PDB file of N, CA and C in Angstrom:
ATOM      1  N   UNK A   1     -22.312 -17.740  29.324  1.00  0.00           N
ATOM      2  CA  UNK A   1     -21.133 -16.959  29.025  1.00  0.00           C
ATOM      3  C   UNK A   1     -20.293 -17.696  27.979  1.00  0.00           C
ATOM      4  N   UNK A   2     -19.862 -16.990  26.978  1.00  0.00           N
ATOM      5  CA  UNK A   2     -19.056 -17.572  25.909  1.00  0.00           C
ATOM      6  C   UNK A   2     -17.569 -17.412  26.174  1.00  0.00           C
ATOM      7  N   UNK A   3     -16.822 -18.379  25.680  1.00  0.00           N
ATOM      8  CA  UNK A   3     -15.368 -18.272  25.713  1.00  0.00           C
ATOM      9  C   UNK A   3     -14.843 -18.634  24.327  1.00  0.00           C
ATOM     10  N   UNK A   4     -13.569 -18.425  24.103  1.00  0.00           N
ATOM     11  CA  UNK A   4     -12.943 -18.690  22.802  1.00  0.00           C
ATOM     12  C   UNK A   4     -11.857 -19.726  23.010  1.00  0.00           C
ATOM     13  N   UNK A   5     -11.888 -20.797  22.184  1.00  0.00           N
ATOM     14  CA  UNK A   5     -10.848 -21.825  22.347  1.00  0.00           C
ATOM     15  C   UNK A   5      -9.500 -21.293  21.864  1.00  0.00           C
ATOM     16  N   UNK A   6      -8.439 -21.983  22.215  1.00  0.00           N
ATOM     17  CA  UNK A   6      -7.079 -21.503  21.957  1.00  0.00           C
ATOM     18  C   UNK A   6      -6.780 -21.340  20.471  1.00  0.00           C
ATOM     19  N   UNK A   7      -7.226 -22.277  19.635  1.00  0.00           N
ATOM     20  CA  UNK A   7      -6.981 -22.173  18.190  1.00  0.00           C
ATOM     21  C   UNK A   7      -7.647 -20.943  17.610  1.00  0.00           C
ATOM     22  N   UNK A   8      -8.890 -20.702  17.991  1.00  0.00           N
ATOM     23  CA  UNK A   8      -9.611 -19.527  17.502  1.00  0.00           C
ATOM     24  C   UNK A   8      -8.947 -18.252  18.015  1.00  0.00           C
ATOM     25  N   UNK A   9      -8.513 -18.265  19.255  1.00  0.00           N
ATOM     26  CA  UNK A   9      -7.828 -17.100  19.841  1.00  0.00           C
ATOM     27  C   UNK A   9      -6.541 -16.786  19.061  1.00  0.00           C
ATOM     28  N   UNK A  10      -5.789 -17.834  18.722  1.00  0.00           N
ATOM     29  CA  UNK A  10      -4.557 -17.635  17.949  1.00  0.00           C
ATOM     30  C   UNK A  10      -4.860 -17.104  16.547  1.00  0.00           C
ATOM     31  N   UNK A  11      -5.925 -17.622  15.933  1.00  0.00           N
ATOM     32  CA  UNK A  11      -6.308 -17.148  14.601  1.00  0.00           C
ATOM     33  C   UNK A  11      -6.676 -15.661  14.652  1.00  0.00           C
ATOM     34  N   UNK A  12      -7.429 -15.275  15.669  1.00  0.00           N
ATOM     35  CA  UNK A  12      -7.815 -13.867  15.820  1.00  0.00           C
ATOM     36  C   UNK A  12      -6.597 -12.988  16.097  1.00  0.00           C
ATOM     37  N   UNK A  13      -5.674 -13.480  16.909  1.00  0.00           N
ATOM     38  CA  UNK A  13      -4.481 -12.704  17.259  1.00  0.00           C
ATOM     39  C   UNK A  13      -3.541 -12.528  16.071  1.00  0.00           C
ATOM     40  N   UNK A  14      -3.506 -13.485  15.165  1.00  0.00           N
ATOM     41  CA  UNK A  14      -2.571 -13.404  14.037  1.00  0.00           C
ATOM     42  C   UNK A  14      -3.163 -12.704  12.818  1.00  0.00           C
ATOM     43  N   UNK A  15      -4.449 -12.397  12.847  1.00  0.00           N
ATOM     44  CA  UNK A  15      -5.088 -11.728  11.706  1.00  0.00           C
ATOM     45  C   UNK A  15      -4.662 -10.256  11.635  1.00  0.00           C
ATOM     46  N   UNK A  16      -4.581  -9.723  10.421  1.00  0.00           N
ATOM     47  CA  UNK A  16      -4.109  -8.366  10.149  1.00  0.00           C
ATOM     48  C   UNK A  16      -5.048  -7.261  10.662  1.00  0.00           C
ATOM     49  N   UNK A  17      -6.339  -7.456  10.702  1.00  0.00           N
ATOM     50  CA  UNK A  17      -7.369  -6.519  11.155  1.00  0.00           C
ATOM     51  C   UNK A  17      -7.361  -5.175  10.433  1.00  0.00           C
ATOM     52  N   UNK A  18      -7.613  -5.190   9.124  1.00  0.00           N
ATOM     53  CA  UNK A  18      -7.675  -3.923   8.387  1.00  0.00           C
ATOM     54  C   UNK A  18      -8.843  -3.041   8.827  1.00  0.00           C
ATOM     55  N   UNK A  19      -9.893  -3.643   9.382  1.00  0.00           N
ATOM     56  CA  UNK A  19     -11.048  -2.876   9.833  1.00  0.00           C
ATOM     57  C   UNK A  19     -10.977  -2.483  11.291  1.00  0.00           C
ATOM     58  N   UNK A  20      -9.838  -2.746  11.928  1.00  0.00           N
ATOM     59  CA  UNK A  20      -9.606  -2.396  13.328  1.00  0.00           C
ATOM     60  C   UNK A  20     -10.641  -3.013  14.271  1.00  0.00           C
ATOM     61  N   UNK A  21     -10.968  -2.319  15.333  1.00  0.00           N
ATOM     62  CA  UNK A  21     -11.809  -2.870  16.387  1.00  0.00           C
ATOM     63  C   UNK A  21     -13.228  -3.153  15.912  1.00  0.00           C
ATOM     64  N   UNK A  22     -13.747  -2.362  14.980  1.00  0.00           N
ATOM     65  CA  UNK A  22     -15.105  -2.604  14.492  1.00  0.00           C
ATOM     66  C   UNK A  22     -15.205  -3.948  13.793  1.00  0.00           C
ATOM     67  N   UNK A  23     -14.191  -4.274  13.017  1.00  0.00           N
ATOM     68  CA  UNK A  23     -14.192  -5.564  12.332  1.00  0.00           C
ATOM     69  C   UNK A  23     -14.129  -6.702  13.347  1.00  0.00           C
ATOM     70  N   UNK A  24     -13.301  -6.555  14.352  1.00  0.00           N
ATOM     71  CA  UNK A  24     -13.197  -7.571  15.401  1.00  0.00           C
ATOM     72  C   UNK A  24     -14.542  -7.729  16.117  1.00  0.00           C
ATOM     73  N   UNK A  25     -15.167  -6.620  16.461  1.00  0.00           N
ATOM     74  CA  UNK A  25     -16.469  -6.670  17.127  1.00  0.00           C
ATOM     75  C   UNK A  25     -17.494  -7.399  16.277  1.00  0.00           C
ATOM     76  N   UNK A  26     -17.554  -7.060  14.977  1.00  0.00           N
ATOM     77  CA  UNK A  26     -18.516  -7.692  14.073  1.00  0.00           C
ATOM     78  C   UNK A  26     -18.276  -9.191  13.968  1.00  0.00           C
ATOM     79  N   UNK A  27     -17.024  -9.580  13.847  1.00  0.00           N
ATOM     80  CA  UNK A  27     -16.702 -10.997  13.715  1.00  0.00           C
ATOM     81  C   UNK A  27     -17.059 -11.749  14.991  1.00  0.00           C
ATOM     82  N   UNK A  28     -16.765 -11.172  16.127  1.00  0.00           N
ATOM     83  CA  UNK A  28     -17.093 -11.837  17.394  1.00  0.00           C
ATOM     84  C   UNK A  28     -18.604 -11.906  17.627  1.00  0.00           C
ATOM     85  N   UNK A  29     -19.328 -10.850  17.251  1.00  0.00           N
ATOM     86  CA  UNK A  29     -20.788 -10.867  17.387  1.00  0.00           C
ATOM     87  C   UNK A  29     -21.395 -11.949  16.500  1.00  0.00           C
ATOM     88  N   UNK A  30     -20.898 -12.048  15.258  1.00  0.00           N
ATOM     89  CA  UNK A  30     -21.395 -13.063  14.343  1.00  0.00           C
ATOM     90  C   UNK A  30     -21.060 -14.451  14.870  1.00  0.00           C
ATOM     91  N   UNK A  31     -19.832 -14.640  15.340  1.00  0.00           N
ATOM     92  CA  UNK A  31     -19.425 -15.937  15.877  1.00  0.00           C
ATOM     93  C   UNK A  31     -20.302 -16.319  17.067  1.00  0.00           C
ATOM     94  N   UNK A  32     -20.596 -15.363  17.919  1.00  0.00           N
ATOM     95  CA  UNK A  32     -21.446 -15.636  19.087  1.00  0.00           C
ATOM     96  C   UNK A  32     -22.859 -16.015  18.661  1.00  0.00           C
ATOM     97  N   UNK A  33     -23.346 -15.394  17.595  1.00  0.00           N
ATOM     98  CA  UNK A  33     -24.716 -15.677  17.156  1.00  0.00           C
ATOM     99  C   UNK A  33     -24.848 -17.041  16.476  1.00  0.00           C
ATOM    100  N   UNK A  34     -23.783 -17.539  15.868  1.00  0.00           N
ATOM    101  CA  UNK A  34     -23.863 -18.842  15.202  1.00  0.00           C
ATOM    102  C   UNK A  34     -23.319 -19.975  16.064  1.00  0.00           C
ATOM    103  N   UNK A  35     -22.692 -19.639  17.160  1.00  0.00           N
ATOM    104  CA  UNK A  35     -22.089 -20.646  18.044  1.00  0.00           C
ATOM    105  C   UNK A  35     -23.189 -21.458  18.730  1.00  0.00           C
ATOM    106  N   UNK A  36     -23.076 -22.772  18.632  1.00  0.00           N
ATOM    107  CA  UNK A  36     -24.083 -23.644  19.222  1.00  0.00           C
ATOM    108  C   UNK A  36     -23.676 -24.168  20.601  1.00  0.00           C
ATOM    109  N   UNK A  37     -22.496 -23.807  21.049  1.00  0.00           N
ATOM    110  CA  UNK A  37     -22.050 -24.223  22.377  1.00  0.00           C
ATOM    111  C   UNK A  37     -21.589 -22.979  23.136  1.00  0.00           C
ATOM    112  N   UNK A  38     -20.914 -23.172  24.220  1.00  0.00           N
ATOM    113  CA  UNK A  38     -20.441 -22.024  25.001  1.00  0.00           C
ATOM    114  C   UNK A  38     -18.998 -21.651  24.646  1.00  0.00           C
ATOM    115  N   UNK A  39     -18.433 -22.324  23.639  1.00  0.00           N
ATOM    116  CA  UNK A  39     -17.053 -22.056  23.239  1.00  0.00           C
ATOM    117  C   UNK A  39     -16.998 -21.731  21.748  1.00  0.00           C
ATOM    118  N   UNK A  40     -16.496 -20.555  21.424  1.00  0.00           N
ATOM    119  CA  UNK A  40     -16.315 -20.167  20.024  1.00  0.00           C
ATOM    120  C   UNK A  40     -15.063 -20.868  19.513  1.00  0.00           C
ATOM    121  N   UNK A  41     -15.231 -21.584  18.397  1.00  0.00           N
ATOM    122  CA  UNK A  41     -14.109 -22.284  17.775  1.00  0.00           C
ATOM    123  C   UNK A  41     -13.820 -21.687  16.407  1.00  0.00           C
ATOM    124  N   UNK A  42     -12.814 -22.194  15.738  1.00  0.00           N
ATOM    125  CA  UNK A  42     -12.479 -21.717  14.395  1.00  0.00           C
ATOM    126  C   UNK A  42     -13.634 -21.914  13.425  1.00  0.00           C
ATOM    127  N   UNK A  43     -14.481 -22.880  13.692  1.00  0.00           N
ATOM    128  CA  UNK A  43     -15.610 -23.162  12.820  1.00  0.00           C
ATOM    129  C   UNK A  43     -16.573 -21.973  12.748  1.00  0.00           C
ATOM    130  N   UNK A  44     -16.698 -21.223  13.813  1.00  0.00           N
ATOM    131  CA  UNK A  44     -17.607 -20.078  13.837  1.00  0.00           C
ATOM    132  C   UNK A  44     -16.984 -18.809  13.256  1.00  0.00           C
ATOM    133  N   UNK A  45     -15.693 -18.820  13.008  1.00  0.00           N
ATOM    134  CA  UNK A  45     -15.011 -17.638  12.482  1.00  0.00           C
ATOM    135  C   UNK A  45     -15.064 -17.639  10.953  1.00  0.00           C
ATOM    136  N   UNK A  46     -15.121 -16.453  10.334  1.00  0.00           N
ATOM    137  CA  UNK A  46     -15.174 -16.385   8.873  1.00  0.00           C
ATOM    138  C   UNK A  46     -13.843 -16.791   8.240  1.00  0.00           C
ATOM    139  N   UNK A  47     -13.919 -17.239   7.006  1.00  0.00           N
ATOM    140  CA  UNK A  47     -12.735 -17.721   6.279  1.00  0.00           C
ATOM    141  C   UNK A  47     -11.675 -16.641   6.125  1.00  0.00           C
ATOM    142  N   UNK A  48     -12.071 -15.376   6.129  1.00  0.00           N
ATOM    143  CA  UNK A  48     -11.119 -14.283   5.932  1.00  0.00           C
ATOM    144  C   UNK A  48     -10.046 -14.259   7.028  1.00  0.00           C
ATOM    145  N   UNK A  49     -10.348 -14.810   8.172  1.00  0.00           N
ATOM    146  CA  UNK A  49      -9.407 -14.834   9.290  1.00  0.00           C
ATOM    147  C   UNK A  49      -8.221 -15.757   9.017  1.00  0.00           C
ATOM    148  N   UNK A  50      -8.441 -16.758   8.200  1.00  0.00           N
ATOM    149  CA  UNK A  50      -7.423 -17.784   7.980  1.00  0.00           C
ATOM    150  C   UNK A  50      -6.644 -17.534   6.698  1.00  0.00           C
ATOM    151  N   UNK A  51      -5.378 -17.905   6.677  1.00  0.00           N
ATOM    152  CA  UNK A  51      -4.577 -17.733   5.459  1.00  0.00           C
ATOM    153  C   UNK A  51      -5.226 -18.465   4.284  1.00  0.00           C
ATOM    154  N   UNK A  52      -5.123 -17.863   3.103  1.00  0.00           N
ATOM    155  CA  UNK A  52      -5.752 -18.447   1.919  1.00  0.00           C
ATOM    156  C   UNK A  52      -5.251 -19.850   1.623  1.00  0.00           C
ATOM    157  N   UNK A  53      -4.048 -20.173   2.042  1.00  0.00           N
ATOM    158  CA  UNK A  53      -3.510 -21.503   1.770  1.00  0.00           C
ATOM    159  C   UNK A  53      -4.335 -22.601   2.431  1.00  0.00           C
ATOM    160  N   UNK A  54      -5.099 -22.254   3.452  1.00  0.00           N
ATOM    161  CA  UNK A  54      -5.917 -23.249   4.133  1.00  0.00           C
ATOM    162  C   UNK A  54      -7.248 -23.513   3.434  1.00  0.00           C
ATOM    163  N   UNK A  55      -7.617 -22.669   2.490  1.00  0.00           N
ATOM    164  CA  UNK A  55      -8.895 -22.820   1.813  1.00  0.00           C
ATOM    165  C   UNK A  55      -8.656 -23.469   0.457  1.00  0.00           C
ATOM    166  N   UNK A  56      -9.212 -24.639   0.281  1.00  0.00           N
ATOM    167  CA  UNK A  56      -9.027 -25.311  -1.005  1.00  0.00           C
ATOM    168  C   UNK A  56      -9.938 -24.664  -2.040  1.00  0.00           C
ATOM    169  N   UNK A  57      -9.508 -24.633  -3.312  1.00  0.00           N
ATOM    170  CA  UNK A  57     -10.312 -24.010  -4.357  1.00  0.00           C
ATOM    171  C   UNK A  57     -11.711 -24.619  -4.464  1.00  0.00           C
ATOM    172  N   UNK A  58     -11.853 -25.887  -4.145  1.00  0.00           N
ATOM    173  CA  UNK A  58     -13.159 -26.536  -4.216  1.00  0.00           C
ATOM    174  C   UNK A  58     -14.150 -26.015  -3.201  1.00  0.00           C
ATOM    175  N   UNK A  59     -13.660 -25.408  -2.116  1.00  0.00           N
ATOM    176  CA  UNK A  59     -14.559 -24.902  -1.079  1.00  0.00           C
ATOM    177  C   UNK A  59     -15.109 -23.518  -1.400  1.00  0.00           C
ATOM    178  N   UNK A  60     -14.477 -22.798  -2.307  1.00  0.00           N
ATOM    179  CA  UNK A  60     -14.908 -21.429  -2.608  1.00  0.00           C
ATOM    180  C   UNK A  60     -16.364 -21.373  -3.061  1.00  0.00           C
ATOM    181  N   UNK A  61     -16.793 -22.177  -4.049  1.00  0.00           N
ATOM    182  CA  UNK A  61     -18.206 -22.122  -4.440  1.00  0.00           C
ATOM    183  C   UNK A  61     -19.146 -22.453  -3.284  1.00  0.00           C
ATOM    184  N   UNK A  62     -18.759 -23.409  -2.434  1.00  0.00           N
ATOM    185  CA  UNK A  62     -19.580 -23.779  -1.297  1.00  0.00           C
ATOM    186  C   UNK A  62     -19.687 -22.612  -0.314  1.00  0.00           C
ATOM    187  N   UNK A  63     -18.598 -21.909  -0.114  1.00  0.00           N
ATOM    188  CA  UNK A  63     -18.597 -20.759   0.791  1.00  0.00           C
ATOM    189  C   UNK A  63     -19.507 -19.664   0.242  1.00  0.00           C
ATOM    190  N   UNK A  64     -19.401 -19.389  -1.060  1.00  0.00           N
ATOM    191  CA  UNK A  64     -20.245 -18.354  -1.668  1.00  0.00           C
ATOM    192  C   UNK A  64     -21.720 -18.744  -1.610  1.00  0.00           C
ATOM    193  N   UNK A  65     -22.000 -20.019  -1.837  1.00  0.00           N
ATOM    194  CA  UNK A  65     -23.382 -20.493  -1.779  1.00  0.00           C
ATOM    195  C   UNK A  65     -23.924 -20.365  -0.356  1.00  0.00           C
ATOM    196  N   UNK A  66     -23.126 -20.728   0.616  1.00  0.00           N
ATOM    197  CA  UNK A  66     -23.527 -20.624   2.017  1.00  0.00           C
ATOM    198  C   UNK A  66     -23.745 -19.163   2.403  1.00  0.00           C
ATOM    199  N   UNK A  67     -22.846 -18.309   1.951  1.00  0.00           N
ATOM    200  CA  UNK A  67     -22.966 -16.881   2.230  1.00  0.00           C
ATOM    201  C   UNK A  67     -24.267 -16.330   1.654  1.00  0.00           C
ATOM    202  N   UNK A  68     -24.569 -16.688   0.403  1.00  0.00           N
ATOM    203  CA  UNK A  68     -25.787 -16.185  -0.225  1.00  0.00           C
ATOM    204  C   UNK A  68     -27.020 -16.748   0.471  1.00  0.00           C
ATOM    205  N   UNK A  69     -26.981 -18.004   0.868  1.00  0.00           N
ATOM    206  CA  UNK A  69     -28.113 -18.593   1.589  1.00  0.00           C
ATOM    207  C   UNK A  69     -28.371 -17.842   2.886  1.00  0.00           C
ATOM    208  N   UNK A  70     -27.290 -17.497   3.591  1.00  0.00           N
ATOM    209  CA  UNK A  70     -27.421 -16.752   4.836  1.00  0.00           C
ATOM    210  C   UNK A  70     -28.004 -15.361   4.584  1.00  0.00           C
ATOM    211  N   UNK A  71     -27.520 -14.688   3.553  1.00  0.00           N
ATOM    212  CA  UNK A  71     -28.044 -13.361   3.222  1.00  0.00           C
ATOM    213  C   UNK A  71     -29.534 -13.448   2.917  1.00  0.00           C
ATOM    214  N   UNK A  72     -29.931 -14.413   2.103  1.00  0.00           N
ATOM    215  CA  UNK A  72     -31.345 -14.556   1.743  1.00  0.00           C
ATOM    216  C   UNK A  72     -32.205 -14.936   2.946  1.00  0.00           C
ATOM    217  N   UNK A  73     -31.655 -15.744   3.827  1.00  0.00           N
ATOM    218  CA  UNK A  73     -32.383 -16.128   5.041  1.00  0.00           C
ATOM    219  C   UNK A  73     -32.639 -14.913   5.924  1.00  0.00           C
ATOM    220  N   UNK A  74     -31.607 -14.095   6.106  1.00  0.00           N
ATOM    221  CA  UNK A  74     -31.766 -12.905   6.949  1.00  0.00           C
ATOM    222  C   UNK A  74     -32.659 -11.876   6.253  1.00  0.00           C
ATOM    223  N   UNK A  75     -32.544 -11.758   4.928  1.00  0.00           N
ATOM    224  CA  UNK A  75     -33.443 -10.872   4.181  1.00  0.00           C
ATOM    225  C   UNK A  75     -34.894 -11.290   4.396  1.00  0.00           C
ATOM    226  N   UNK A  76     -35.134 -12.572   4.359  1.00  0.00           N
ATOM    227  CA  UNK A  76     -36.486 -13.079   4.581  1.00  0.00           C
ATOM    228  C   UNK A  76     -36.959 -12.750   5.998  1.00  0.00           C
ATOM    229  N   UNK A  77     -36.089 -12.940   6.968  1.00  0.00           N
ATOM    230  CA  UNK A  77     -36.440 -12.664   8.370  1.00  0.00           C
ATOM    231  C   UNK A  77     -36.714 -11.187   8.609  1.00  0.00           C
ATOM    232  N   UNK A  78     -36.099 -10.325   7.810  1.00  0.00           N
ATOM    233  CA  UNK A  78     -36.289  -8.879   7.982  1.00  0.00           C
ATOM    234  C   UNK A  78     -37.274  -8.316   6.961  1.00  0.00           C
ATOM    235  N   UNK A  79     -37.996  -9.200   6.286  1.00  0.00           N
ATOM    236  CA  UNK A  79     -38.973  -8.794   5.263  1.00  0.00           C
ATOM    237  C   UNK A  79     -38.347  -7.932   4.178  1.00  0.00           C
ATOM    238  N   UNK A  80     -37.134  -8.284   3.779  1.00  0.00           N
ATOM    239  CA  UNK A  80     -36.467  -7.594   2.679  1.00  0.00           C
ATOM    240  C   UNK A  80     -35.795  -6.293   3.061  1.00  0.00           C
ATOM    241  N   UNK A  81     -35.672  -6.016   4.340  1.00  0.00           N
ATOM    242  CA  UNK A  81     -35.065  -4.766   4.793  1.00  0.00           C
ATOM    243  C   UNK A  81     -33.535  -4.889   4.740  1.00  0.00           C
ATOM    244  N   UNK A  82     -32.937  -4.187   3.783  1.00  0.00           N
ATOM    245  CA  UNK A  82     -31.492  -4.270   3.574  1.00  0.00           C
ATOM    246  C   UNK A  82     -30.726  -3.739   4.786  1.00  0.00           C
ATOM    247  N   UNK A  83     -31.190  -2.640   5.358  1.00  0.00           N
ATOM    248  CA  UNK A  83     -30.493  -2.049   6.501  1.00  0.00           C
ATOM    249  C   UNK A  83     -30.451  -3.025   7.677  1.00  0.00           C
ATOM    250  N   UNK A  84     -31.590  -3.620   8.009  1.00  0.00           N
ATOM    251  CA  UNK A  84     -31.635  -4.568   9.120  1.00  0.00           C
ATOM    252  C   UNK A  84     -30.818  -5.818   8.812  1.00  0.00           C
ATOM    253  N   UNK A  85     -30.868  -6.266   7.568  1.00  0.00           N
ATOM    254  CA  UNK A  85     -30.089  -7.439   7.162  1.00  0.00           C
ATOM    255  C   UNK A  85     -28.608  -7.167   7.346  1.00  0.00           C
ATOM    256  N   UNK A  86     -28.156  -6.019   6.871  1.00  0.00           N
ATOM    257  CA  UNK A  86     -26.739  -5.663   7.000  1.00  0.00           C
ATOM    258  C   UNK A  86     -26.334  -5.575   8.463  1.00  0.00           C
ATOM    259  N   UNK A  87     -27.173  -4.978   9.288  1.00  0.00           N
ATOM    260  CA  UNK A  87     -26.864  -4.857  10.715  1.00  0.00           C
ATOM    261  C   UNK A  87     -26.762  -6.229  11.372  1.00  0.00           C
ATOM    262  N   UNK A  88     -27.696  -7.115  11.058  1.00  0.00           N
ATOM    263  CA  UNK A  88     -27.674  -8.456  11.656  1.00  0.00           C
ATOM    264  C   UNK A  88     -26.448  -9.252  11.226  1.00  0.00           C
ATOM    265  N   UNK A  89     -26.008  -9.034   9.991  1.00  0.00           N
ATOM    266  CA  UNK A  89     -24.850  -9.774   9.487  1.00  0.00           C
ATOM    267  C   UNK A  89     -23.529  -9.072   9.787  1.00  0.00           C
ATOM    268  N   UNK A  90     -23.600  -7.845  10.284  1.00  0.00           N
ATOM    269  CA  UNK A  90     -22.384  -7.124  10.634  1.00  0.00           C
ATOM    270  C   UNK A  90     -21.603  -6.632   9.435  1.00  0.00           C
ATOM    271  N   UNK A  91     -22.334  -6.278   8.369  1.00  0.00           N
ATOM    272  CA  UNK A  91     -21.692  -5.768   7.154  1.00  0.00           C
ATOM    273  C   UNK A  91     -22.376  -4.473   6.728  1.00  0.00           C
ATOM    274  N   UNK A  92     -21.797  -3.802   5.757  1.00  0.00           N
ATOM    275  CA  UNK A  92     -22.389  -2.576   5.226  1.00  0.00           C
ATOM    276  C   UNK A  92     -23.540  -2.917   4.282  1.00  0.00           C
ATOM    277  N   UNK A  93     -24.491  -2.009   4.157  1.00  0.00           N
ATOM    278  CA  UNK A  93     -25.593  -2.229   3.209  1.00  0.00           C
ATOM    279  C   UNK A  93     -25.067  -2.431   1.803  1.00  0.00           C
ATOM    280  N   UNK A  94     -24.018  -1.700   1.448  1.00  0.00           N
ATOM    281  CA  UNK A  94     -23.453  -1.833   0.101  1.00  0.00           C
ATOM    282  C   UNK A  94     -22.958  -3.256  -0.157  1.00  0.00           C
ATOM    283  N   UNK A  95     -22.511  -3.932   0.884  1.00  0.00           N
ATOM    284  CA  UNK A  95     -22.065  -5.323   0.740  1.00  0.00           C
ATOM    285  C   UNK A  95     -23.241  -6.217   0.353  1.00  0.00           C
ATOM    286  N   UNK A  96     -24.380  -6.013   0.985  1.00  0.00           N
ATOM    287  CA  UNK A  96     -25.569  -6.815   0.657  1.00  0.00           C
ATOM    288  C   UNK A  96     -25.978  -6.557  -0.790  1.00  0.00           C
ATOM    289  N   UNK A  97     -26.039  -5.282  -1.181  1.00  0.00           N
ATOM    290  CA  UNK A  97     -26.394  -4.949  -2.565  1.00  0.00           C
ATOM    291  C   UNK A  97     -25.410  -5.589  -3.551  1.00  0.00           C
ATOM    292  N   UNK A  98     -24.114  -5.496  -3.247  1.00  0.00           N
ATOM    293  CA  UNK A  98     -23.084  -6.041  -4.140  1.00  0.00           C
ATOM    294  C   UNK A  98     -23.200  -7.559  -4.256  1.00  0.00           C
ATOM    295  N   UNK A  99     -23.385  -8.237  -3.134  1.00  0.00           N
ATOM    296  CA  UNK A  99     -23.492  -9.698  -3.150  1.00  0.00           C
ATOM    297  C   UNK A  99     -24.717 -10.144  -3.936  1.00  0.00           C
ATOM    298  N   UNK A 100     -25.836  -9.451  -3.757  1.00  0.00           N
ATOM    299  CA  UNK A 100     -27.037  -9.788  -4.515  1.00  0.00           C
ATOM    300  C   UNK A 100     -26.820  -9.576  -6.005  1.00  0.00           C
ATOM    301  N   UNK A 101     -26.176  -8.465  -6.348  1.00  0.00           N
ATOM    302  CA  UNK A 101     -25.907  -8.181  -7.752  1.00  0.00           C
ATOM    303  C   UNK A 101     -24.979  -9.234  -8.356  1.00  0.00           C
ATOM    304  N   UNK A 102     -23.926  -9.606  -7.625  1.00  0.00           N
ATOM    305  CA  UNK A 102     -22.991 -10.621  -8.111  1.00  0.00           C
ATOM    306  C   UNK A 102     -23.684 -11.959  -8.339  1.00  0.00           C
ATOM    307  N   UNK A 103     -24.684 -12.251  -7.525  1.00  0.00           N
ATOM    308  CA  UNK A 103     -25.411 -13.511  -7.659  1.00  0.00           C
ATOM    309  C   UNK A 103     -26.529 -13.418  -8.690  1.00  0.00           C
ATOM    310  N   UNK A 104     -26.717 -12.217  -9.241  1.00  0.00           N
ATOM    311  CA  UNK A 104     -27.767 -12.036 -10.244  1.00  0.00           C
ATOM    312  C   UNK A 104     -29.163 -12.022  -9.650  1.00  0.00           C
ATOM    313  N   UNK A 105     -29.266 -11.619  -8.399  1.00  0.00           N
ATOM    314  CA  UNK A 105     -30.557 -11.579  -7.709  1.00  0.00           C
ATOM    315  C   UNK A 105     -30.970 -10.126  -7.549  1.00  0.00           C
ATOM    316  N   UNK A 106     -32.147  -9.794  -8.077  1.00  0.00           N
ATOM    317  CA  UNK A 106     -32.609  -8.421  -7.938  1.00  0.00           C
ATOM    318  C   UNK A 106     -33.348  -8.260  -6.616  1.00  0.00           C
ATOM    319  N   UNK A 107     -33.287  -7.089  -6.060  1.00  0.00           N
ATOM    320  CA  UNK A 107     -33.933  -6.819  -4.785  1.00  0.00           C
ATOM    321  C   UNK A 107     -35.445  -6.997  -4.904  1.00  0.00           C
ATOM    322  N   UNK A 108     -35.993  -6.669  -6.054  1.00  0.00           N
ATOM    323  CA  UNK A 108     -37.430  -6.828  -6.268  1.00  0.00           C
ATOM    324  C   UNK A 108     -37.827  -8.299  -6.174  1.00  0.00           C
ATOM    325  N   UNK A 109     -36.994  -9.190  -6.716  1.00  0.00           N
ATOM    326  CA  UNK A 109     -37.273 -10.617  -6.634  1.00  0.00           C
ATOM    327  C   UNK A 109     -37.245 -11.116  -5.202  1.00  0.00           C
ATOM    328  N   UNK A 110     -36.298 -10.608  -4.416  1.00  0.00           N
ATOM    329  CA  UNK A 110     -36.221 -11.061  -3.029  1.00  0.00           C
ATOM    330  C   UNK A 110     -37.445 -10.587  -2.247  1.00  0.00           C
ATOM    331  N   UNK A 111     -37.946  -9.400  -2.554  1.00  0.00           N
ATOM    332  CA  UNK A 111     -39.132  -8.900  -1.862  1.00  0.00           C
ATOM    333  C   UNK A 111     -40.382  -9.682  -2.255  1.00  0.00           C
ATOM    334  N   UNK A 112     -40.430 -10.117  -3.530  1.00  0.00           N
ATOM    335  CA  UNK A 112     -41.587 -10.881  -3.986  1.00  0.00           C
ATOM    336  C   UNK A 112     -41.637 -12.251  -3.306  1.00  0.00           C
ATOM    337  N   UNK A 113     -40.501 -12.805  -2.944  1.00  0.00           N
ATOM    338  CA  UNK A 113     -40.438 -14.108  -2.305  1.00  0.00           C
ATOM    339  C   UNK A 113     -40.808 -14.030  -0.827  1.00  0.00           C
ATOM    340  N   UNK A 114     -40.735 -12.843  -0.247  1.00  0.00           N
ATOM    341  CA  UNK A 114     -40.940 -12.688   1.185  1.00  0.00           C
ATOM    342  C   UNK A 114     -42.400 -12.898   1.532  1.00  0.00           C
TER     343      UNK A 114
END
């Protein structure tokens, strides 16, 4: 059984939640899937939850690189299936297409690597 530590709980409570309950569900599902212990901490929550002042400009490229690595890893696990990848990551298919395009990665190339 998973629980949420107090800092993570406060971060979730203070977030604006433009996506309402679905966004909260997706974030908690993702946090549960990456959590290596029985307690969800701020480390498992996405950067969007935290005020931008806490993210240093030097971390942005690292975050984007990590995000793309995760997308490619899940794409590989789903044999290039965008729908399944989006579902596993808790995002829309259009988000996967957009992120790949922004990174200059064509879907055909990702399928060839699979």
